[in-house]
């Protein structure tokens, strides 16, 4: 993960993962993340507390994935992945 720009409420970064690498993204209440895979294949999943995986998706290349529900998401690279990431925190200060 490479940070390209960081402000008080927003962070923009490049998502670069080798095959098999994982990246954890935590969304706070009122926050959201947008991931765009430009090259490669990745799987995004989220496990609910004490339960099985509640979300599992494989985004298409170039289509944004909006993660809006609070929690921790796991991004797993099936191939070498190059993409973009935008995170907005729920902090109003």
Protein backbone atom coordinates (compact mmCIF):
# COMPACT_ATOMS: atom_id res chain seq x y z
CA UNK A 1 0.00 0.00 0.00
CA UNK A 2 1.50 3.32 -1.06
CA UNK A 3 0.04 6.56 0.27
CA UNK A 4 -0.34 9.14 -2.48
CA UNK A 5 -2.25 11.81 -0.54
CA UNK A 6 -3.44 12.03 3.07
CA UNK A 7 -5.61 14.72 4.62
CA UNK A 8 -7.65 14.88 7.79
CA UNK A 9 -10.63 12.89 6.46
CA UNK A 10 -9.40 11.31 3.20
CA UNK A 11 -6.53 9.09 2.16
CA UNK A 12 -5.66 8.15 -1.42
CA UNK A 13 -3.24 5.36 -2.13
CA UNK A 14 -1.99 2.81 -4.60
CA UNK A 15 -2.85 -0.81 -3.86
CA UNK A 16 0.04 -3.00 -5.01
CA UNK A 17 -0.01 -6.65 -3.92
CA UNK A 18 1.96 -9.70 -5.02
CA UNK A 19 0.11 -12.98 -5.54
CA UNK A 20 -0.98 -14.38 -2.17
CA UNK A 21 -0.46 -11.15 -0.21
CA UNK A 22 -3.23 -9.78 1.98
CA UNK A 23 -4.24 -6.27 2.99
CA UNK A 24 -6.59 -5.47 5.87
CA UNK A 25 -8.82 -2.39 5.65
CA UNK A 26 -10.80 -1.23 8.70
CA UNK A 27 -13.85 0.94 8.10
CA UNK A 28 -15.05 3.06 11.02
CA UNK A 29 -18.64 4.14 11.72
CA UNK A 30 -19.53 6.81 9.18
CA UNK A 31 -16.52 6.01 7.00
CA UNK A 32 -16.12 4.25 3.68
CA UNK A 33 -13.48 2.89 1.33
CA UNK A 34 -13.41 2.64 -2.45
CA UNK A 35 -11.12 0.10 -4.11
CA UNK A 36 -10.46 -0.08 -7.84
CA UNK A 37 -8.45 -3.01 -9.23
CA UNK A 38 -6.70 -1.93 -12.44
CA UNK A 39 -4.67 -5.08 -13.03
CA UNK A 40 -4.82 -8.60 -11.61
CA UNK A 41 -7.45 -10.38 -9.56
CA UNK A 42 -8.30 -9.94 -5.89
CA UNK A 43 -10.93 -11.24 -3.48
CA UNK A 44 -12.48 -9.08 -0.77
CA UNK A 45 -14.11 -10.65 2.28
CA UNK A 46 -15.41 -9.59 5.67
CA UNK A 47 -16.06 -11.87 8.61
CA UNK A 48 -18.78 -11.01 11.08
CA UNK A 49 -17.90 -11.38 14.76
CA UNK A 50 -18.28 -15.03 15.74
CA UNK A 51 -19.78 -16.04 12.40
CA UNK A 52 -18.78 -17.25 8.98
CA UNK A 53 -17.70 -14.90 6.23
CA UNK A 54 -20.52 -12.40 5.69
CA UNK A 55 -19.21 -10.92 2.45
CA UNK A 56 -17.07 -12.39 -0.32
CA UNK A 57 -16.64 -10.74 -3.69
CA UNK A 58 -14.22 -10.61 -6.61
CA UNK A 59 -14.28 -7.16 -8.20
CA UNK A 60 -14.02 -6.69 -11.97
CA UNK A 61 -11.10 -4.71 -13.32
CA UNK A 62 -11.73 -0.98 -13.44
CA UNK A 63 -15.05 -1.13 -11.56
CA UNK A 64 -15.06 0.56 -8.13
CA UNK A 65 -16.00 -1.44 -5.04
CA UNK A 66 -17.66 0.65 -2.31
CA UNK A 67 -17.14 -0.66 1.24
CA UNK A 68 -19.51 1.25 3.50
CA UNK A 69 -20.37 -1.09 6.39
CA UNK A 70 -18.12 -0.72 9.44
CA UNK A 71 -15.72 -3.56 10.07
CA UNK A 72 -12.46 -5.10 8.89
CA UNK A 73 -12.16 -6.24 5.29
CA UNK A 74 -9.49 -8.57 3.94
CA UNK A 75 -8.18 -8.11 0.40
CA UNK A 76 -6.34 -11.18 -0.95
CA UNK A 77 -4.41 -11.02 -4.23
CA UNK A 78 -5.11 -14.03 -6.46
CA UNK A 79 -2.69 -12.61 -9.07
CA UNK A 80 -0.36 -9.61 -8.95
CA UNK A 81 -2.66 -6.66 -8.20
CA UNK A 82 -2.30 -2.99 -9.05
CA UNK A 83 -5.10 -0.66 -8.07
CA UNK A 84 -6.26 2.47 -6.28
CA UNK A 85 -7.72 2.95 -2.81
CA UNK A 86 -9.61 5.86 -1.27
CA UNK A 87 -10.53 5.89 2.42
CA UNK A 88 -12.84 8.41 4.08
CA UNK A 89 -12.87 8.28 7.86
CA UNK A 90 -16.00 8.82 9.91
CA UNK A 91 -14.22 11.52 11.94
CA UNK A 92 -15.99 14.90 11.66
CA UNK A 93 -13.20 16.94 13.29
